[in-house]
N, C-alpha and C. Protein backbone atom coordinates (compact mmCIF):
# COMPACT_ATOMS: atom_id res chain seq x y z
N MET A 1 108.09 128.38 115.97
CA MET A 1 106.88 127.56 115.92
C MET A 1 107.29 126.12 115.63
N SER A 2 106.84 125.20 116.44
CA SER A 2 107.25 123.80 116.24
C SER A 2 106.43 123.15 115.12
N GLU A 3 107.02 122.14 114.51
CA GLU A 3 106.34 121.45 113.42
C GLU A 3 105.26 120.53 113.97
N SER A 4 104.20 120.35 113.19
CA SER A 4 103.12 119.45 113.59
C SER A 4 103.60 118.00 113.40
N PRO A 5 102.92 117.04 114.06
CA PRO A 5 103.29 115.63 113.85
C PRO A 5 103.27 115.25 112.37
N LYS A 6 102.31 115.79 111.62
CA LYS A 6 102.22 115.49 110.19
C LYS A 6 103.44 116.04 109.44
N GLN A 7 103.83 117.26 109.78
CA GLN A 7 105.00 117.86 109.14
C GLN A 7 106.27 117.07 109.45
N ASN A 8 106.36 116.59 110.69
CA ASN A 8 107.52 115.78 111.08
C ASN A 8 107.60 114.50 110.26
N ILE A 9 106.44 113.83 110.11
CA ILE A 9 106.39 112.59 109.31
C ILE A 9 106.75 112.91 107.86
N ARG A 10 106.17 113.98 107.34
CA ARG A 10 106.43 114.37 105.95
C ARG A 10 107.93 114.59 105.73
N LYS A 11 108.55 115.32 106.64
CA LYS A 11 109.98 115.64 106.52
C LYS A 11 110.82 114.36 106.60
N LYS A 12 110.53 113.53 107.58
CA LYS A 12 111.30 112.29 107.80
C LYS A 12 111.24 111.39 106.56
N PHE A 13 110.04 111.20 106.01
CA PHE A 13 109.89 110.25 104.89
C PHE A 13 110.35 110.85 103.56
N ARG A 14 110.24 112.17 103.42
CA ARG A 14 110.80 112.79 102.20
C ARG A 14 112.31 112.63 102.19
N GLU A 15 112.93 112.83 103.36
CA GLU A 15 114.39 112.68 103.44
C GLU A 15 114.81 111.24 103.17
N ALA A 16 114.07 110.29 103.73
CA ALA A 16 114.39 108.87 103.53
C ALA A 16 114.25 108.49 102.05
N ARG A 17 113.18 108.98 101.43
CA ARG A 17 112.94 108.67 100.02
C ARG A 17 114.00 109.32 99.14
N SER A 18 114.40 110.54 99.50
CA SER A 18 115.41 111.25 98.72
C SER A 18 116.78 110.59 98.79
N ALA A 19 116.99 109.75 99.82
CA ALA A 19 118.28 109.06 99.97
C ALA A 19 118.41 107.87 99.00
N LEU A 20 117.30 107.49 98.34
CA LEU A 20 117.37 106.39 97.37
C LEU A 20 118.17 106.83 96.15
N SER A 21 118.97 105.91 95.62
CA SER A 21 119.73 106.23 94.40
C SER A 21 118.83 106.07 93.18
N ALA A 22 119.24 106.68 92.07
CA ALA A 22 118.45 106.57 90.83
C ALA A 22 118.25 105.11 90.41
N PRO A 23 119.29 104.24 90.46
CA PRO A 23 119.05 102.83 90.12
C PRO A 23 118.07 102.14 91.07
N GLU A 24 118.12 102.49 92.36
CA GLU A 24 117.17 101.90 93.33
C GLU A 24 115.74 102.31 92.99
N ILE A 25 115.56 103.59 92.67
CA ILE A 25 114.22 104.10 92.32
C ILE A 25 113.69 103.36 91.10
N LEU A 26 114.54 103.20 90.08
CA LEU A 26 114.09 102.52 88.85
C LEU A 26 113.76 101.06 89.12
N GLU A 27 114.60 100.38 89.89
CA GLU A 27 114.38 98.96 90.18
C GLU A 27 113.10 98.76 91.00
N LYS A 28 112.94 99.55 92.06
CA LYS A 28 111.73 99.44 92.89
C LYS A 28 110.49 99.83 92.09
N SER A 29 110.60 100.87 91.28
CA SER A 29 109.46 101.32 90.47
C SER A 29 109.03 100.24 89.49
N LYS A 30 110.02 99.53 88.92
CA LYS A 30 109.72 98.45 87.98
C LYS A 30 108.93 97.34 88.70
N ARG A 31 109.34 97.00 89.92
CA ARG A 31 108.64 95.96 90.68
C ARG A 31 107.23 96.43 91.08
N ILE A 32 107.12 97.71 91.42
CA ILE A 32 105.81 98.26 91.78
C ILE A 32 104.89 98.24 90.56
N ALA A 33 105.42 98.56 89.38
CA ALA A 33 104.63 98.51 88.14
C ALA A 33 104.11 97.09 87.90
N GLU A 34 104.96 96.09 88.11
CA GLU A 34 104.55 94.69 87.92
C GLU A 34 103.39 94.35 88.85
N GLU A 35 103.47 94.82 90.11
CA GLU A 35 102.39 94.56 91.08
C GLU A 35 101.11 95.29 90.66
N LEU A 36 101.25 96.53 90.21
CA LEU A 36 100.08 97.31 89.77
C LEU A 36 99.39 96.61 88.61
N PHE A 37 100.17 96.18 87.62
CA PHE A 37 99.59 95.60 86.40
C PHE A 37 98.91 94.25 86.67
N LYS A 38 99.21 93.62 87.82
CA LYS A 38 98.57 92.35 88.17
C LYS A 38 97.20 92.56 88.83
N LEU A 39 96.93 93.79 89.29
CA LEU A 39 95.67 94.04 90.01
C LEU A 39 94.46 93.83 89.10
N PRO A 40 93.43 93.12 89.59
CA PRO A 40 92.20 93.00 88.78
C PRO A 40 91.63 94.38 88.44
N GLU A 41 91.75 95.32 89.38
CA GLU A 41 91.23 96.67 89.15
C GLU A 41 91.96 97.38 88.02
N TYR A 42 93.24 97.05 87.86
CA TYR A 42 93.99 97.62 86.74
C TYR A 42 93.56 96.95 85.44
N LYS A 43 93.46 95.63 85.48
CA LYS A 43 93.13 94.88 84.26
C LYS A 43 91.78 95.30 83.68
N THR A 44 90.80 95.58 84.56
CA THR A 44 89.47 95.94 84.06
C THR A 44 89.31 97.44 83.82
N ALA A 45 90.25 98.25 84.30
CA ALA A 45 90.13 99.71 84.15
C ALA A 45 90.31 100.12 82.69
N LYS A 46 89.40 100.97 82.23
CA LYS A 46 89.52 101.53 80.88
C LYS A 46 90.15 102.92 80.94
N ASN A 47 89.84 103.66 82.03
CA ASN A 47 90.28 105.05 82.17
C ASN A 47 91.07 105.20 83.46
N ILE A 48 92.36 105.51 83.32
CA ILE A 48 93.25 105.56 84.49
C ILE A 48 93.87 106.95 84.62
N LEU A 49 93.81 107.49 85.82
CA LEU A 49 94.52 108.74 86.14
C LEU A 49 95.83 108.37 86.82
N TYR A 50 96.93 108.83 86.25
CA TYR A 50 98.26 108.64 86.85
C TYR A 50 98.80 109.98 87.31
N TYR A 51 99.45 110.01 88.46
CA TYR A 51 100.29 111.18 88.75
C TYR A 51 101.52 111.06 87.89
N VAL A 52 102.11 112.19 87.52
CA VAL A 52 103.35 112.17 86.74
C VAL A 52 104.48 112.37 87.74
N SER A 53 105.28 111.34 87.91
CA SER A 53 106.29 111.34 88.98
C SER A 53 107.40 112.35 88.73
N PHE A 54 107.96 112.82 89.84
CA PHE A 54 109.15 113.67 89.77
C PHE A 54 110.00 113.38 91.00
N GLY A 55 111.28 113.74 90.91
CA GLY A 55 112.18 113.53 92.04
C GLY A 55 112.28 112.06 92.40
N SER A 56 112.16 111.79 93.69
CA SER A 56 112.35 110.42 94.18
C SER A 56 111.05 109.62 94.29
N GLU A 57 109.96 110.15 93.73
CA GLU A 57 108.69 109.42 93.76
C GLU A 57 108.80 108.12 92.97
N VAL A 58 107.91 107.17 93.27
CA VAL A 58 107.81 105.97 92.44
C VAL A 58 107.59 106.45 91.01
N ASN A 59 108.44 105.99 90.10
CA ASN A 59 108.45 106.49 88.73
C ASN A 59 107.26 105.93 87.94
N THR A 60 106.41 106.84 87.43
CA THR A 60 105.22 106.42 86.69
C THR A 60 105.37 106.58 85.18
N HIS A 61 106.49 107.12 84.71
CA HIS A 61 106.61 107.43 83.28
C HIS A 61 106.46 106.18 82.40
N GLU A 62 107.13 105.09 82.78
CA GLU A 62 107.01 103.87 81.99
C GLU A 62 105.64 103.22 82.17
N MET A 63 105.04 103.37 83.35
CA MET A 63 103.70 102.81 83.58
C MET A 63 102.68 103.49 82.66
N ILE A 64 102.82 104.81 82.52
CA ILE A 64 101.91 105.56 81.64
C ILE A 64 102.02 105.03 80.22
N LYS A 65 103.27 104.87 79.74
CA LYS A 65 103.47 104.38 78.37
C LYS A 65 102.95 102.95 78.21
N ALA A 66 103.20 102.10 79.21
CA ALA A 66 102.73 100.71 79.14
C ALA A 66 101.21 100.65 79.09
N SER A 67 100.55 101.52 79.86
CA SER A 67 99.08 101.54 79.87
C SER A 67 98.53 102.03 78.54
N LEU A 68 99.17 103.02 77.96
CA LEU A 68 98.74 103.50 76.63
C LEU A 68 98.92 102.38 75.61
N ASN A 69 100.05 101.69 75.68
CA ASN A 69 100.32 100.57 74.75
C ASN A 69 99.33 99.43 74.94
N ALA A 70 98.78 99.31 76.17
CA ALA A 70 97.80 98.25 76.45
C ALA A 70 96.38 98.67 76.03
N GLY A 71 96.26 99.86 75.43
CA GLY A 71 94.96 100.31 74.92
C GLY A 71 94.10 101.01 75.95
N LYS A 72 94.67 101.39 77.07
CA LYS A 72 93.90 102.10 78.09
C LYS A 72 93.95 103.60 77.81
N ARG A 73 92.91 104.29 78.25
CA ARG A 73 92.94 105.76 78.17
C ARG A 73 93.62 106.25 79.44
N VAL A 74 94.58 107.14 79.26
CA VAL A 74 95.36 107.63 80.39
C VAL A 74 95.12 109.13 80.57
N PHE A 75 94.96 109.52 81.82
CA PHE A 75 94.73 110.91 82.18
C PHE A 75 95.78 111.33 83.19
N VAL A 76 96.11 112.61 83.19
CA VAL A 76 97.07 113.14 84.17
C VAL A 76 96.44 114.38 84.80
N PRO A 77 96.89 114.71 86.02
CA PRO A 77 96.32 115.87 86.69
C PRO A 77 96.93 117.19 86.24
N ILE A 78 96.12 118.23 86.32
CA ILE A 78 96.57 119.61 86.13
C ILE A 78 96.23 120.34 87.42
N THR A 79 97.23 120.94 88.04
CA THR A 79 97.02 121.62 89.32
C THR A 79 96.45 123.02 89.10
N ASP A 80 95.33 123.29 89.75
CA ASP A 80 94.70 124.61 89.70
C ASP A 80 94.91 125.25 91.07
N LEU A 81 95.92 126.12 91.16
CA LEU A 81 96.25 126.74 92.45
C LEU A 81 95.19 127.74 92.89
N GLU A 82 94.52 128.38 91.93
CA GLU A 82 93.48 129.36 92.28
C GLU A 82 92.31 128.69 92.98
N LYS A 83 91.86 127.58 92.43
CA LYS A 83 90.70 126.87 93.01
C LYS A 83 91.13 125.77 93.96
N ASN A 84 92.45 125.57 94.10
CA ASN A 84 93.01 124.54 94.98
C ASN A 84 92.42 123.15 94.67
N CYS A 85 92.47 122.79 93.38
CA CYS A 85 91.93 121.49 92.99
C CYS A 85 92.73 120.94 91.81
N LEU A 86 92.42 119.71 91.45
CA LEU A 86 93.03 119.08 90.28
C LEU A 86 92.00 118.97 89.17
N HIS A 87 92.40 119.32 87.96
CA HIS A 87 91.61 119.02 86.77
C HIS A 87 92.31 117.83 86.12
N ILE A 88 91.63 117.16 85.20
CA ILE A 88 92.29 116.05 84.53
C ILE A 88 92.26 116.24 83.02
N SER A 89 93.31 115.72 82.38
CA SER A 89 93.43 115.85 80.94
C SER A 89 93.92 114.52 80.37
N GLU A 90 93.33 114.12 79.25
CA GLU A 90 93.79 112.89 78.61
C GLU A 90 95.14 113.12 77.95
N VAL A 91 96.00 112.13 78.05
CA VAL A 91 97.32 112.21 77.40
C VAL A 91 97.46 111.05 76.42
N ILE A 92 97.97 111.36 75.23
CA ILE A 92 98.11 110.33 74.20
C ILE A 92 99.58 110.07 73.91
N ASP A 93 100.39 111.14 73.91
CA ASP A 93 101.84 111.00 73.69
C ASP A 93 102.58 111.81 74.76
N PRO A 94 102.87 111.18 75.91
CA PRO A 94 103.46 111.94 77.02
C PRO A 94 104.78 112.62 76.67
N ASP A 95 105.58 112.01 75.80
CA ASP A 95 106.88 112.60 75.45
C ASP A 95 106.72 113.95 74.76
N LEU A 96 105.66 114.09 73.96
CA LEU A 96 105.44 115.33 73.21
C LEU A 96 104.54 116.32 73.94
N GLU A 97 103.63 115.80 74.76
CA GLU A 97 102.57 116.66 75.29
C GLU A 97 102.83 117.27 76.66
N LEU A 98 103.78 116.71 77.43
CA LEU A 98 103.98 117.18 78.80
C LEU A 98 105.19 118.10 78.92
N ALA A 99 105.06 119.10 79.79
CA ALA A 99 106.16 120.05 80.05
C ALA A 99 106.10 120.45 81.52
N PRO A 100 107.24 120.87 82.10
CA PRO A 100 107.24 121.28 83.51
C PRO A 100 106.25 122.42 83.76
N SER A 101 105.49 122.30 84.84
CA SER A 101 104.47 123.29 85.17
C SER A 101 104.52 123.57 86.67
N THR A 102 103.34 123.50 87.32
CA THR A 102 103.25 123.81 88.74
C THR A 102 104.20 122.92 89.55
N PHE A 103 104.96 123.52 90.42
CA PHE A 103 105.93 122.82 91.28
C PHE A 103 107.00 122.06 90.47
N GLY A 104 107.12 122.36 89.16
CA GLY A 104 108.09 121.67 88.32
C GLY A 104 107.63 120.30 87.86
N ILE A 105 106.38 119.95 88.15
CA ILE A 105 105.82 118.65 87.75
C ILE A 105 105.37 118.74 86.29
N LEU A 106 105.56 117.65 85.55
CA LEU A 106 105.11 117.63 84.16
C LEU A 106 103.59 117.62 84.09
N GLU A 107 103.06 118.54 83.29
CA GLU A 107 101.62 118.62 83.03
C GLU A 107 101.43 118.88 81.54
N PRO A 108 100.21 118.65 81.02
CA PRO A 108 100.00 118.89 79.59
C PRO A 108 100.25 120.36 79.22
N LYS A 109 100.91 120.56 78.09
CA LYS A 109 101.07 121.92 77.56
C LYS A 109 99.67 122.45 77.25
N LYS A 110 99.52 123.77 77.25
CA LYS A 110 98.19 124.39 77.02
C LYS A 110 97.51 123.83 75.77
N GLU A 111 98.28 123.72 74.69
CA GLU A 111 97.69 123.28 73.42
C GLU A 111 97.39 121.78 73.39
N CYS A 112 97.84 121.05 74.40
CA CYS A 112 97.63 119.60 74.45
C CYS A 112 96.58 119.18 75.48
N ILE A 113 95.95 120.16 76.12
CA ILE A 113 94.96 119.81 77.15
C ILE A 113 93.70 119.25 76.50
N ARG A 114 93.29 118.08 76.98
CA ARG A 114 92.04 117.44 76.57
C ARG A 114 91.24 117.20 77.84
N PRO A 115 90.45 118.18 78.28
CA PRO A 115 89.75 118.06 79.57
C PRO A 115 88.82 116.85 79.57
N ALA A 116 88.66 116.27 80.75
CA ALA A 116 87.79 115.09 80.88
C ALA A 116 87.04 115.18 82.21
N GLU A 117 85.94 114.45 82.27
CA GLU A 117 85.14 114.38 83.50
C GLU A 117 85.76 113.37 84.45
N LYS A 118 85.89 113.75 85.71
CA LYS A 118 86.54 112.86 86.69
C LYS A 118 85.69 111.63 86.99
N ASN A 119 84.37 111.74 86.78
CA ASN A 119 83.51 110.58 87.10
C ASN A 119 83.67 109.43 86.11
N MET A 120 84.43 109.64 85.04
CA MET A 120 84.66 108.54 84.09
C MET A 120 85.86 107.68 84.49
N LEU A 121 86.61 108.12 85.50
CA LEU A 121 87.81 107.38 85.91
C LEU A 121 87.45 106.05 86.58
N ASP A 122 88.19 105.00 86.23
CA ASP A 122 88.03 103.70 86.88
C ASP A 122 89.08 103.48 87.96
N LEU A 123 90.26 104.07 87.76
CA LEU A 123 91.38 103.86 88.68
C LEU A 123 92.17 105.16 88.79
N ILE A 124 92.47 105.54 90.03
CA ILE A 124 93.33 106.70 90.29
C ILE A 124 94.62 106.17 90.90
N VAL A 125 95.73 106.44 90.24
CA VAL A 125 97.04 106.04 90.75
C VAL A 125 97.64 107.28 91.41
N ALA A 126 97.71 107.25 92.74
CA ALA A 126 98.04 108.44 93.52
C ALA A 126 99.43 108.37 94.13
N PRO A 127 100.04 109.53 94.34
CA PRO A 127 101.33 109.59 95.03
C PRO A 127 101.12 109.79 96.53
N GLY A 128 102.20 109.85 97.26
CA GLY A 128 102.14 110.15 98.70
C GLY A 128 103.52 110.04 99.29
N ILE A 129 103.66 110.57 100.49
CA ILE A 129 104.96 110.54 101.16
C ILE A 129 105.02 109.45 102.21
N ALA A 130 103.89 109.22 102.90
CA ALA A 130 103.84 108.16 103.91
C ALA A 130 102.42 107.61 104.00
N PHE A 131 102.34 106.33 104.38
CA PHE A 131 101.05 105.64 104.47
C PHE A 131 101.07 104.75 105.71
N ASP A 132 99.87 104.45 106.25
CA ASP A 132 99.82 103.50 107.37
C ASP A 132 98.89 102.34 107.05
N SER A 133 98.81 101.37 107.97
CA SER A 133 98.04 100.15 107.71
C SER A 133 96.54 100.40 107.73
N ALA A 134 96.12 101.61 108.13
CA ALA A 134 94.70 101.97 108.05
C ALA A 134 94.40 102.68 106.73
N PHE A 135 95.41 102.72 105.83
CA PHE A 135 95.29 103.29 104.49
C PHE A 135 95.15 104.81 104.48
N ASN A 136 95.62 105.45 105.57
CA ASN A 136 95.73 106.90 105.58
C ASN A 136 96.99 107.27 104.80
N ARG A 137 96.96 108.46 104.21
CA ARG A 137 98.14 108.92 103.46
C ARG A 137 98.51 110.33 103.87
N ILE A 138 99.80 110.60 103.74
CA ILE A 138 100.30 111.97 103.87
C ILE A 138 100.87 112.33 102.51
N GLY A 139 100.32 113.39 101.93
CA GLY A 139 100.83 113.88 100.66
C GLY A 139 101.77 115.05 100.91
N TYR A 140 101.74 116.00 99.99
CA TYR A 140 102.65 117.13 100.10
C TYR A 140 102.06 118.29 100.89
N GLY A 141 100.81 118.15 101.32
CA GLY A 141 100.22 119.17 102.18
C GLY A 141 99.25 120.11 101.49
N GLY A 142 99.08 119.97 100.17
CA GLY A 142 98.16 120.86 99.47
C GLY A 142 96.71 120.40 99.50
N GLY A 143 96.49 119.12 99.82
CA GLY A 143 95.13 118.60 99.86
C GLY A 143 94.51 118.33 98.49
N PHE A 144 95.33 118.36 97.43
CA PHE A 144 94.80 118.20 96.08
C PHE A 144 94.16 116.83 95.86
N TYR A 145 94.85 115.77 96.29
CA TYR A 145 94.30 114.42 96.08
C TYR A 145 93.15 114.13 97.04
N ASP A 146 93.21 114.64 98.27
CA ASP A 146 92.07 114.49 99.19
C ASP A 146 90.83 115.12 98.56
N GLY A 147 91.02 116.27 97.94
CA GLY A 147 89.90 116.95 97.27
C GLY A 147 89.36 116.13 96.12
N LEU A 148 90.27 115.58 95.33
CA LEU A 148 89.86 114.74 94.19
C LEU A 148 89.10 113.51 94.68
N PHE A 149 89.63 112.85 95.70
CA PHE A 149 89.00 111.63 96.22
C PHE A 149 87.58 111.89 96.73
N SER A 150 87.34 113.09 97.25
CA SER A 150 86.04 113.35 97.88
C SER A 150 85.05 114.04 96.94
N GLU A 151 85.48 114.32 95.71
CA GLU A 151 84.55 114.98 94.77
C GLU A 151 83.38 114.08 94.44
N ALA A 152 82.22 114.69 94.33
CA ALA A 152 81.01 113.94 93.98
C ALA A 152 81.22 113.30 92.61
N GLY A 153 80.81 112.06 92.49
CA GLY A 153 80.91 111.38 91.20
C GLY A 153 82.20 110.62 91.00
N VAL A 154 83.21 110.86 91.84
CA VAL A 154 84.47 110.13 91.69
C VAL A 154 84.33 108.79 92.42
N ARG A 155 84.16 107.73 91.64
CA ARG A 155 83.97 106.40 92.22
C ARG A 155 85.15 105.48 91.94
N ALA A 156 86.19 106.04 91.36
CA ALA A 156 87.35 105.25 90.97
C ALA A 156 88.01 104.59 92.17
N VAL A 157 88.61 103.42 91.92
CA VAL A 157 89.44 102.77 92.94
C VAL A 157 90.70 103.62 93.10
N LYS A 158 91.10 103.85 94.34
CA LYS A 158 92.26 104.70 94.62
C LYS A 158 93.44 103.84 95.04
N ALA A 159 94.43 103.75 94.18
CA ALA A 159 95.62 102.94 94.45
C ALA A 159 96.81 103.88 94.59
N ALA A 160 97.51 103.78 95.71
CA ALA A 160 98.71 104.60 95.91
C ALA A 160 99.95 103.75 95.69
N LEU A 161 100.93 104.34 95.04
CA LEU A 161 102.20 103.67 94.81
C LEU A 161 103.20 104.17 95.84
N CYS A 162 103.91 103.25 96.47
CA CYS A 162 104.91 103.68 97.45
C CYS A 162 105.96 102.59 97.65
N TYR A 163 107.14 103.02 98.09
CA TYR A 163 108.17 102.08 98.48
C TYR A 163 107.79 101.53 99.86
N LYS A 164 108.18 100.29 100.13
CA LYS A 164 107.86 99.68 101.42
C LYS A 164 108.34 100.56 102.58
N MET A 165 109.46 101.26 102.38
CA MET A 165 110.01 102.13 103.42
C MET A 165 109.11 103.33 103.74
N GLN A 166 108.07 103.56 102.92
CA GLN A 166 107.16 104.68 103.17
C GLN A 166 105.99 104.28 104.07
N LEU A 167 105.95 103.02 104.48
CA LEU A 167 104.88 102.56 105.36
C LEU A 167 105.27 102.83 106.80
N THR A 168 104.31 103.37 107.56
CA THR A 168 104.56 103.69 108.96
C THR A 168 103.28 103.37 109.74
N GLU A 169 103.21 103.77 110.98
CA GLU A 169 101.99 103.57 111.76
C GLU A 169 101.52 104.88 112.35
N GLY A 170 100.20 104.97 112.51
CA GLY A 170 99.62 106.08 113.25
C GLY A 170 99.74 107.44 112.61
N ILE A 171 99.41 107.53 111.33
CA ILE A 171 99.40 108.84 110.68
C ILE A 171 98.26 109.66 111.27
N PRO A 172 98.54 110.89 111.72
CA PRO A 172 97.47 111.74 112.26
C PRO A 172 96.50 112.13 111.15
N VAL A 173 95.20 112.07 111.44
CA VAL A 173 94.19 112.29 110.41
C VAL A 173 93.33 113.49 110.77
N LYS A 174 93.05 114.32 109.74
CA LYS A 174 92.13 115.45 109.90
C LYS A 174 90.84 115.12 109.15
N ILE A 175 89.83 115.95 109.37
CA ILE A 175 88.50 115.66 108.82
C ILE A 175 88.48 115.56 107.29
N ASN A 176 89.34 116.33 106.61
CA ASN A 176 89.34 116.32 105.13
C ASN A 176 90.24 115.26 104.52
N ASP A 177 90.98 114.54 105.35
CA ASP A 177 91.89 113.53 104.82
C ASP A 177 91.11 112.32 104.31
N ARG A 178 91.53 111.79 103.18
CA ARG A 178 90.86 110.63 102.58
C ARG A 178 91.82 109.46 102.47
N LYS A 179 91.28 108.28 102.71
CA LYS A 179 92.08 107.05 102.62
C LYS A 179 92.19 106.59 101.17
N VAL A 180 93.18 105.72 100.93
CA VAL A 180 93.26 105.04 99.64
C VAL A 180 92.71 103.62 99.83
N ASP A 181 92.43 102.95 98.72
CA ASP A 181 91.86 101.59 98.78
C ASP A 181 92.95 100.52 98.74
N ILE A 182 94.02 100.83 98.01
CA ILE A 182 95.08 99.85 97.76
C ILE A 182 96.43 100.54 97.89
N LEU A 183 97.38 99.85 98.52
CA LEU A 183 98.77 100.31 98.55
C LEU A 183 99.59 99.33 97.74
N VAL A 184 100.32 99.83 96.76
CA VAL A 184 101.15 98.97 95.92
C VAL A 184 102.61 99.28 96.22
N THR A 185 103.32 98.28 96.74
CA THR A 185 104.75 98.45 97.05
C THR A 185 105.56 97.46 96.23
N GLU A 186 106.88 97.56 96.33
CA GLU A 186 107.75 96.64 95.57
C GLU A 186 107.71 95.22 96.14
N THR A 187 107.13 95.05 97.33
CA THR A 187 107.07 93.71 97.91
C THR A 187 105.67 93.11 97.90
N GLY A 188 104.71 93.85 97.33
CA GLY A 188 103.36 93.31 97.26
C GLY A 188 102.29 94.38 97.43
N VAL A 189 101.06 93.91 97.57
CA VAL A 189 99.89 94.79 97.58
C VAL A 189 99.15 94.65 98.91
N LEU A 190 98.74 95.78 99.45
CA LEU A 190 97.88 95.80 100.65
C LEU A 190 96.54 96.36 100.25
N ARG A 191 95.47 95.69 100.74
CA ARG A 191 94.12 96.12 100.37
C ARG A 191 93.31 96.47 101.60
N ARG A 192 92.48 97.48 101.46
CA ARG A 192 91.56 97.83 102.52
C ARG A 192 90.44 96.81 102.54
N SER A 193 90.12 96.26 103.71
CA SER A 193 89.06 95.23 103.72
C SER A 193 87.69 95.89 103.78
């Protein structure tokens, strides 16, 4: 069975991203954090949902700590494989409260879960594998963030973090796919008009 165009893009960009060295990831992530923190939407946000990075993703660990130090409330996703959705939990001390969970991604330990309503979020900082100039995204294929973006009551600004090398053209779109509002790269910010 041949791979779909989406699977081909996912494979190509995962491989390209995985070729980055640890120092490159940290350097680019630091520049992406600087761009994120300059956004008016970040400055005014009181409640921010961050993905917790793993592997070669744009590293969010220091961003989470910086946002907590700036007095913002920070939330992280919990993957619910049974319902195929994301729940959110407030995090206060990521070093103590997070442990490897679904797919090996850090999530709150059971005793540290502080459930929250998604409609209180001001900003969602989302991951992805590839993005295009129409603000379409390709994630890991589970549809978790598309589901979150389309939930009733979720009015948060959706900002995706990515390396400039993750930008491409003509991502194939299905009916359930959701766009992001802002792309934050190490070379600057792109906004949906």
